[in-house]
Amino acid sequence: MSKLLGIPENQIHPVKCYNHEIVSDERIDVLALMALRQILYSAEDHLDNAKIREAISVTCVGNTDNVQGRRRMDVESASEAI
């Protein structure tokens, strides 16, 4: 799937379909919960990065003086805000 979809292997989380399960296997349940946890971590990282990008773009719009210095300060302030 990694090569087919172009997604890194550590971002692929196979899970089992429980539609016809009568008795669950705890070993399989743990794998499904671990996959869900990784998905949530990835979503949280994405949201954190979006907040930083948004904070940088808001403070940098309209001001081209000393752009590198402002970006450094913006990243630091965005990181503190999060």
PDB file of N, CA and C in Angstrom:
ATOM      1  N   MET A   1       0.823  -1.190   0.000  1.00  0.00           N
ATOM      2  CA  MET A   1       0.000   0.000   0.000  1.00  0.00           C
ATOM      3  C   MET A   1       0.869   1.257   0.000  1.00  0.00           C
ATOM      4  N   SER A   2       2.016   1.164   0.667  1.00  0.00           N
ATOM      5  CA  SER A   2       2.900   2.322   0.734  1.00  0.00           C
ATOM      6  C   SER A   2       3.325   2.780  -0.657  1.00  0.00           C
ATOM      7  N   LYS A   3       3.773   1.850  -1.465  1.00  0.00           N
ATOM      8  CA  LYS A   3       4.213   2.187  -2.822  1.00  0.00           C
ATOM      9  C   LYS A   3       3.035   2.566  -3.717  1.00  0.00           C
ATOM     10  N   LEU A   4       1.934   1.875  -3.564  1.00  0.00           N
ATOM     11  CA  LEU A   4       0.759   2.135  -4.391  1.00  0.00           C
ATOM     12  C   LEU A   4       0.186   3.531  -4.156  1.00  0.00           C
ATOM     13  N   LEU A   5       0.095   3.933  -2.885  1.00  0.00           N
ATOM     14  CA  LEU A   5      -0.517   5.210  -2.542  1.00  0.00           C
ATOM     15  C   LEU A   5       0.495   6.327  -2.317  1.00  0.00           C
ATOM     16  N   GLY A   6       1.775   5.969  -2.211  1.00  0.00           N
ATOM     17  CA  GLY A   6       2.795   6.978  -1.961  1.00  0.00           C
ATOM     18  C   GLY A   6       2.774   7.489  -0.532  1.00  0.00           C
ATOM     19  N   ILE A   7       2.334   6.661   0.390  1.00  0.00           N
ATOM     20  CA  ILE A   7       2.260   7.020   1.811  1.00  0.00           C
ATOM     21  C   ILE A   7       3.382   6.279   2.543  1.00  0.00           C
ATOM     22  N   PRO A   8       4.091   6.949   3.463  1.00  0.00           N
ATOM     23  CA  PRO A   8       5.133   6.255   4.221  1.00  0.00           C
ATOM     24  C   PRO A   8       4.552   5.065   4.996  1.00  0.00           C
ATOM     25  N   GLU A   9       5.352   4.023   5.118  1.00  0.00           N
ATOM     26  CA  GLU A   9       4.887   2.810   5.796  1.00  0.00           C
ATOM     27  C   GLU A   9       4.429   3.076   7.224  1.00  0.00           C
ATOM     28  N   ASN A  10       5.091   4.006   7.930  1.00  0.00           N
ATOM     29  CA  ASN A  10       4.710   4.260   9.318  1.00  0.00           C
ATOM     30  C   ASN A  10       3.397   5.034   9.440  1.00  0.00           C
ATOM     31  N   GLN A  11       2.806   5.413   8.302  1.00  0.00           N
ATOM     32  CA  GLN A  11       1.515   6.102   8.307  1.00  0.00           C
ATOM     33  C   GLN A  11       0.372   5.166   7.904  1.00  0.00           C
ATOM     34  N   ILE A  12       0.666   3.903   7.685  1.00  0.00           N
ATOM     35  CA  ILE A  12      -0.354   2.915   7.296  1.00  0.00           C
ATOM     36  C   ILE A  12      -0.680   2.065   8.519  1.00  0.00           C
ATOM     37  N   HIS A  13      -1.961   2.005   8.877  1.00  0.00           N
ATOM     38  CA  HIS A  13      -2.395   1.301  10.077  1.00  0.00           C
ATOM     39  C   HIS A  13      -3.494   0.306   9.715  1.00  0.00           C
ATOM     40  N   PRO A  14      -3.129  -0.938   9.389  1.00  0.00           N
ATOM     41  CA  PRO A  14      -4.160  -1.920   9.052  1.00  0.00           C
ATOM     42  C   PRO A  14      -4.976  -2.292  10.292  1.00  0.00           C
ATOM     43  N   VAL A  15      -6.273  -2.409  10.119  1.00  0.00           N
ATOM     44  CA  VAL A  15      -7.147  -2.825  11.210  1.00  0.00           C
ATOM     45  C   VAL A  15      -8.080  -3.928  10.711  1.00  0.00           C
ATOM     46  N   LYS A  16      -8.648  -4.644  11.639  1.00  0.00           N
ATOM     47  CA  LYS A  16      -9.521  -5.762  11.322  1.00  0.00           C
ATOM     48  C   LYS A  16     -10.980  -5.320  11.357  1.00  0.00           C
ATOM     49  N   CYS A  17     -11.785  -5.850  10.455  1.00  0.00           N
ATOM     50  CA  CYS A  17     -13.215  -5.565  10.434  1.00  0.00           C
ATOM     51  C   CYS A  17     -13.908  -6.461  11.470  1.00  0.00           C
ATOM     52  N   TYR A  18     -14.711  -5.859  12.332  1.00  0.00           N
ATOM     53  CA  TYR A  18     -15.360  -6.592  13.421  1.00  0.00           C
ATOM     54  C   TYR A  18     -16.822  -6.928  13.136  1.00  0.00           C
ATOM     55  N   ASN A  19     -17.275  -6.814  11.898  1.00  0.00           N
ATOM     56  CA  ASN A  19     -18.690  -7.038  11.588  1.00  0.00           C
ATOM     57  C   ASN A  19     -19.208  -8.407  11.991  1.00  0.00           C
ATOM     58  N   HIS A  20     -18.415  -9.447  11.801  1.00  0.00           N
ATOM     59  CA  HIS A  20     -18.898 -10.803  12.041  1.00  0.00           C
ATOM     60  C   HIS A  20     -18.218 -11.468  13.233  1.00  0.00           C
ATOM     61  N   GLU A  21     -17.619 -10.683  14.107  1.00  0.00           N
ATOM     62  CA  GLU A  21     -16.945 -11.233  15.287  1.00  0.00           C
ATOM     63  C   GLU A  21     -17.944 -11.494  16.396  1.00  0.00           C
ATOM     64  N   ILE A  22     -17.890 -12.668  16.970  1.00  0.00           N
ATOM     65  CA  ILE A  22     -18.715 -12.991  18.130  1.00  0.00           C
ATOM     66  C   ILE A  22     -17.861 -12.845  19.386  1.00  0.00           C
ATOM     67  N   VAL A  23     -16.649 -13.386  19.333  1.00  0.00           N
ATOM     68  CA  VAL A  23     -15.705 -13.301  20.446  1.00  0.00           C
ATOM     69  C   VAL A  23     -14.490 -12.521  19.954  1.00  0.00           C
ATOM     70  N   SER A  24     -14.118 -11.507  20.706  1.00  0.00           N
ATOM     71  CA  SER A  24     -12.968 -10.709  20.274  1.00  0.00           C
ATOM     72  C   SER A  24     -11.669 -11.277  20.850  1.00  0.00           C
ATOM     73  N   ASP A  25     -10.593 -11.005  20.145  1.00  0.00           N
ATOM     74  CA  ASP A  25      -9.263 -11.433  20.555  1.00  0.00           C
ATOM     75  C   ASP A  25      -8.531 -10.200  21.081  1.00  0.00           C
ATOM     76  N   GLU A  26      -8.137 -10.221  22.340  1.00  0.00           N
ATOM     77  CA  GLU A  26      -7.506  -9.059  22.954  1.00  0.00           C
ATOM     78  C   GLU A  26      -6.223  -8.641  22.234  1.00  0.00           C
ATOM     79  N   ARG A  27      -5.496  -9.594  21.676  1.00  0.00           N
ATOM     80  CA  ARG A  27      -4.264  -9.255  20.956  1.00  0.00           C
ATOM     81  C   ARG A  27      -4.578  -8.398  19.726  1.00  0.00           C
ATOM     82  N   ILE A  28      -5.667  -8.703  19.047  1.00  0.00           N
ATOM     83  CA  ILE A  28      -6.077  -7.918  17.880  1.00  0.00           C
ATOM     84  C   ILE A  28      -6.651  -6.574  18.325  1.00  0.00           C
ATOM     85  N   ASP A  29      -7.404  -6.569  19.421  1.00  0.00           N
ATOM     86  CA  ASP A  29      -7.977  -5.324  19.940  1.00  0.00           C
ATOM     87  C   ASP A  29      -6.886  -4.318  20.284  1.00  0.00           C
ATOM     88  N   VAL A  30      -5.799  -4.784  20.864  1.00  0.00           N
ATOM     89  CA  VAL A  30      -4.694  -3.901  21.224  1.00  0.00           C
ATOM     90  C   VAL A  30      -4.096  -3.271  19.968  1.00  0.00           C
ATOM     91  N   LEU A  31      -3.953  -4.040  18.913  1.00  0.00           N
ATOM     92  CA  LEU A  31      -3.412  -3.497  17.666  1.00  0.00           C
ATOM     93  C   LEU A  31      -4.326  -2.410  17.092  1.00  0.00           C
ATOM     94  N   ALA A  32      -5.628  -2.631  17.168  1.00  0.00           N
ATOM     95  CA  ALA A  32      -6.570  -1.630  16.670  1.00  0.00           C
ATOM     96  C   ALA A  32      -6.494  -0.355  17.503  1.00  0.00           C
ATOM     97  N   LEU A  33      -6.379  -0.489  18.820  1.00  0.00           N
ATOM     98  CA  LEU A  33      -6.269   0.680  19.683  1.00  0.00           C
ATOM     99  C   LEU A  33      -4.955   1.433  19.456  1.00  0.00           C
ATOM    100  N   MET A  34      -3.877   0.702  19.210  1.00  0.00           N
ATOM    101  CA  MET A  34      -2.593   1.341  18.912  1.00  0.00           C
ATOM    102  C   MET A  34      -2.665   2.106  17.597  1.00  0.00           C
ATOM    103  N   ALA A  35      -3.333   1.535  16.597  1.00  0.00           N
ATOM    104  CA  ALA A  35      -3.501   2.220  15.313  1.00  0.00           C
ATOM    105  C   ALA A  35      -4.325   3.492  15.500  1.00  0.00           C
ATOM    106  N   LEU A  36      -5.386   3.425  16.283  1.00  0.00           N
ATOM    107  CA  LEU A  36      -6.209   4.597  16.548  1.00  0.00           C
ATOM    108  C   LEU A  36      -5.401   5.680  17.262  1.00  0.00           C
ATOM    109  N   ARG A  37      -4.590   5.266  18.215  1.00  0.00           N
ATOM    110  CA  ARG A  37      -3.749   6.238  18.936  1.00  0.00           C
ATOM    111  C   ARG A  37      -2.789   6.933  17.982  1.00  0.00           C
ATOM    112  N   GLN A  38      -2.157   6.202  17.077  1.00  0.00           N
ATOM    113  CA  GLN A  38      -1.238   6.803  16.113  1.00  0.00           C
ATOM    114  C   GLN A  38      -1.968   7.755  15.167  1.00  0.00           C
ATOM    115  N   ILE A  39      -3.168   7.389  14.766  1.00  0.00           N
ATOM    116  CA  ILE A  39      -3.969   8.268  13.911  1.00  0.00           C
ATOM    117  C   ILE A  39      -4.274   9.579  14.644  1.00  0.00           C
ATOM    118  N   LEU A  40      -4.628   9.490  15.913  1.00  0.00           N
ATOM    119  CA  LEU A  40      -4.919  10.692  16.696  1.00  0.00           C
ATOM    120  C   LEU A  40      -3.671  11.549  16.883  1.00  0.00           C
ATOM    121  N   TYR A  41      -2.512  10.915  17.112  1.00  0.00           N
ATOM    122  CA  TYR A  41      -1.257  11.667  17.227  1.00  0.00           C
ATOM    123  C   TYR A  41      -0.957  12.407  15.917  1.00  0.00           C
ATOM    124  N   SER A  42      -1.162  11.745  14.796  1.00  0.00           N
ATOM    125  CA  SER A  42      -0.918  12.381  13.496  1.00  0.00           C
ATOM    126  C   SER A  42      -1.857  13.560  13.277  1.00  0.00           C
ATOM    127  N   ALA A  43      -3.118  13.395  13.657  1.00  0.00           N
ATOM    128  CA  ALA A  43      -4.082  14.488  13.517  1.00  0.00           C
ATOM    129  C   ALA A  43      -3.698  15.660  14.411  1.00  0.00           C
ATOM    130  N   GLU A  44      -3.263  15.378  15.625  1.00  0.00           N
ATOM    131  CA  GLU A  44      -2.848  16.445  16.543  1.00  0.00           C
ATOM    132  C   GLU A  44      -1.631  17.196  16.005  1.00  0.00           C
ATOM    133  N   ASP A  45      -0.649  16.460  15.469  1.00  0.00           N
ATOM    134  CA  ASP A  45       0.525  17.096  14.866  1.00  0.00           C
ATOM    135  C   ASP A  45       0.117  18.001  13.707  1.00  0.00           C
ATOM    136  N   HIS A  46      -0.805  17.528  12.884  1.00  0.00           N
ATOM    137  CA  HIS A  46      -1.270  18.325  11.742  1.00  0.00           C
ATOM    138  C   HIS A  46      -1.924  19.626  12.223  1.00  0.00           C
ATOM    139  N   LEU A  47      -2.762  19.540  13.236  1.00  0.00           N
ATOM    140  CA  LEU A  47      -3.427  20.734  13.757  1.00  0.00           C
ATOM    141  C   LEU A  47      -2.427  21.703  14.382  1.00  0.00           C
ATOM    142  N   ASP A  48      -1.434  21.173  15.108  1.00  0.00           N
ATOM    143  CA  ASP A  48      -0.401  22.031  15.689  1.00  0.00           C
ATOM    144  C   ASP A  48       0.370  22.764  14.594  1.00  0.00           C
ATOM    145  N   ASN A  49       0.739  22.055  13.544  1.00  0.00           N
ATOM    146  CA  ASN A  49       1.460  22.680  12.435  1.00  0.00           C
ATOM    147  C   ASN A  49       0.602  23.724  11.734  1.00  0.00           C
ATOM    148  N   ALA A  50      -0.684  23.463  11.597  1.00  0.00           N
ATOM    149  CA  ALA A  50      -1.582  24.431  10.964  1.00  0.00           C
ATOM    150  C   ALA A  50      -1.685  25.701  11.801  1.00  0.00           C
ATOM    151  N   LYS A  51      -1.727  25.561  13.139  1.00  0.00           N
ATOM    152  CA  LYS A  51      -1.776  26.731  14.014  1.00  0.00           C
ATOM    153  C   LYS A  51      -0.514  27.578  13.854  1.00  0.00           C
ATOM    154  N   ILE A  52       0.630  26.935  13.783  1.00  0.00           N
ATOM    155  CA  ILE A  52       1.897  27.659  13.626  1.00  0.00           C
ATOM    156  C   ILE A  52       1.930  28.369  12.286  1.00  0.00           C
ATOM    157  N   ARG A  53       1.544  27.670  11.210  1.00  0.00           N
ATOM    158  CA  ARG A  53       1.524  28.301   9.888  1.00  0.00           C
ATOM    159  C   ARG A  53       0.575  29.495   9.864  1.00  0.00           C
ATOM    160  N   GLU A  54      -0.581  29.355  10.490  1.00  0.00           N
ATOM    161  CA  GLU A  54      -1.550  30.442  10.514  1.00  0.00           C
ATOM    162  C   GLU A  54      -1.004  31.637  11.296  1.00  0.00           C
ATOM    163  N   ALA A  55      -0.374  31.387  12.430  1.00  0.00           N
ATOM    164  CA  ALA A  55       0.182  32.474  13.236  1.00  0.00           C
ATOM    165  C   ALA A  55       1.282  33.201  12.475  1.00  0.00           C
ATOM    166  N   ILE A  56       2.087  32.470  11.745  1.00  0.00           N
ATOM    167  CA  ILE A  56       3.160  33.080  10.963  1.00  0.00           C
ATOM    168  C   ILE A  56       2.583  33.914   9.830  1.00  0.00           C
ATOM    169  N   SER A  57       1.598  33.385   9.133  1.00  0.00           N
ATOM    170  CA  SER A  57       1.039  34.119   7.996  1.00  0.00           C
ATOM    171  C   SER A  57       0.301  35.372   8.437  1.00  0.00           C
ATOM    172  N   VAL A  58      -0.355  35.350   9.579  1.00  0.00           N
ATOM    173  CA  VAL A  58      -1.095  36.515  10.060  1.00  0.00           C
ATOM    174  C   VAL A  58      -0.145  37.643  10.427  1.00  0.00           C
ATOM    175  N   THR A  59       0.955  37.319  11.085  1.00  0.00           N
ATOM    176  CA  THR A  59       1.861  38.372  11.530  1.00  0.00           C
ATOM    177  C   THR A  59       2.780  38.853  10.422  1.00  0.00           C
ATOM    178  N   CYS A  60       2.991  38.068   9.395  1.00  0.00           N
ATOM    179  CA  CYS A  60       3.908  38.459   8.313  1.00  0.00           C
ATOM    180  C   CYS A  60       3.215  39.202   7.174  1.00  0.00           C
ATOM    181  N   VAL A  61       1.907  39.160   7.087  1.00  0.00           N
ATOM    182  CA  VAL A  61       1.198  39.793   5.976  1.00  0.00           C
ATOM    183  C   VAL A  61       1.334  41.310   6.068  1.00  0.00           C
ATOM    184  N   GLY A  62       1.723  41.921   4.957  1.00  0.00           N
ATOM    185  CA  GLY A  62       1.783  43.373   4.888  1.00  0.00           C
ATOM    186  C   GLY A  62       3.046  44.001   5.413  1.00  0.00           C
ATOM    187  N   ASN A  63       3.960  43.236   5.967  1.00  0.00           N
ATOM    188  CA  ASN A  63       5.187  43.821   6.494  1.00  0.00           C
ATOM    189  C   ASN A  63       6.382  43.078   5.917  1.00  0.00           C
ATOM    190  N   THR A  64       7.159  43.760   5.078  1.00  0.00           N
ATOM    191  CA  THR A  64       8.308  43.110   4.452  1.00  0.00           C
ATOM    192  C   THR A  64       9.622  43.552   5.072  1.00  0.00           C
ATOM    193  N   ASP A  65       9.593  44.432   6.088  1.00  0.00           N
ATOM    194  CA  ASP A  65      10.812  44.875   6.759  1.00  0.00           C
ATOM    195  C   ASP A  65      11.348  43.759   7.641  1.00  0.00           C
ATOM    196  N   ASN A  66      12.621  43.444   7.458  1.00  0.00           N
ATOM    197  CA  ASN A  66      13.310  42.461   8.289  1.00  0.00           C
ATOM    198  C   ASN A  66      12.521  41.154   8.391  1.00  0.00           C
ATOM    199  N   VAL A  67      12.215  40.572   7.264  1.00  0.00           N
ATOM    200  CA  VAL A  67      11.346  39.393   7.197  1.00  0.00           C
ATOM    201  C   VAL A  67      11.927  38.216   7.961  1.00  0.00           C
ATOM    202  N   GLN A  68      13.217  37.948   7.819  1.00  0.00           N
ATOM    203  CA  GLN A  68      13.817  36.798   8.506  1.00  0.00           C
ATOM    204  C   GLN A  68      13.707  36.944  10.019  1.00  0.00           C
ATOM    205  N   GLY A  69      13.993  38.130  10.537  1.00  0.00           N
ATOM    206  CA  GLY A  69      13.902  38.353  11.979  1.00  0.00           C
ATOM    207  C   GLY A  69      12.484  38.212  12.481  1.00  0.00           C
ATOM    208  N   ARG A  70      11.531  38.726  11.711  1.00  0.00           N
ATOM    209  CA  ARG A  70      10.127  38.625  12.109  1.00  0.00           C
ATOM    210  C   ARG A  70       9.655  37.182  12.082  1.00  0.00           C
ATOM    211  N   ARG A  71      10.087  36.413  11.085  1.00  0.00           N
ATOM    212  CA  ARG A  71       9.665  35.003  11.019  1.00  0.00           C
ATOM    213  C   ARG A  71      10.175  34.249  12.234  1.00  0.00           C
ATOM    214  N   ARG A  72      11.409  34.503  12.625  1.00  0.00           N
ATOM    215  CA  ARG A  72      11.965  33.824  13.788  1.00  0.00           C
ATOM    216  C   ARG A  72      11.146  34.177  15.032  1.00  0.00           C
ATOM    217  N   MET A  73      10.823  35.457  15.201  1.00  0.00           N
ATOM    218  CA  MET A  73      10.031  35.879  16.347  1.00  0.00           C
ATOM    219  C   MET A  73       8.625  35.294  16.264  1.00  0.00           C
ATOM    220  N   ASP A  74       8.046  35.218  15.074  1.00  0.00           N
ATOM    221  CA  ASP A  74       6.699  34.685  14.899  1.00  0.00           C
ATOM    222  C   ASP A  74       6.633  33.212  15.258  1.00  0.00           C
ATOM    223  N   VAL A  75       7.642  32.452  14.836  1.00  0.00           N
ATOM    224  CA  VAL A  75       7.671  31.018  15.157  1.00  0.00           C
ATOM    225  C   VAL A  75       7.779  30.838  16.658  1.00  0.00           C
ATOM    226  N   GLU A  76       8.626  31.634  17.303  1.00  0.00           N
ATOM    227  CA  GLU A  76       8.774  31.527  18.746  1.00  0.00           C
ATOM    228  C   GLU A  76       7.483  31.891  19.463  1.00  0.00           C
ATOM    229  N   SER A  77       6.823  32.950  19.059  1.00  0.00           N
ATOM    230  CA  SER A  77       5.582  33.343  19.708  1.00  0.00           C
ATOM    231  C   SER A  77       4.450  32.360  19.421  1.00  0.00           C
ATOM    232  N   ALA A  78       4.430  31.806  18.212  1.00  0.00           N
ATOM    233  CA  ALA A  78       3.405  30.804  17.885  1.00  0.00           C
ATOM    234  C   ALA A  78       3.616  29.547  18.718  1.00  0.00           C
ATOM    235  N   SER A  79       4.877  29.151  18.891  1.00  0.00           N
ATOM    236  CA  SER A  79       5.166  27.967  19.692  1.00  0.00           C
ATOM    237  C   SER A  79       4.744  28.184  21.142  1.00  0.00           C
ATOM    238  N   GLU A  80       4.975  29.390  21.670  1.00  0.00           N
ATOM    239  CA  GLU A  80       4.579  29.694  23.041  1.00  0.00           C
ATOM    240  C   GLU A  80       3.063  29.701  23.174  1.00  0.00           C
ATOM    241  N   ALA A  81       2.370  30.176  22.153  1.00  0.00           N
ATOM    242  CA  ALA A  81       0.908  30.262  22.195  1.00  0.00           C
ATOM    243  C   ALA A  81       0.283  28.879  22.234  1.00  0.00           C
ATOM    244  N   ILE A  82       0.934  27.926  21.581  1.00  0.00           N
ATOM    245  CA  ILE A  82       0.387  26.570  21.529  1.00  0.00           C
ATOM    246  C   ILE A  82       0.692  25.879  22.827  1.00  0.00           C
TER     247      ILE A  82
END
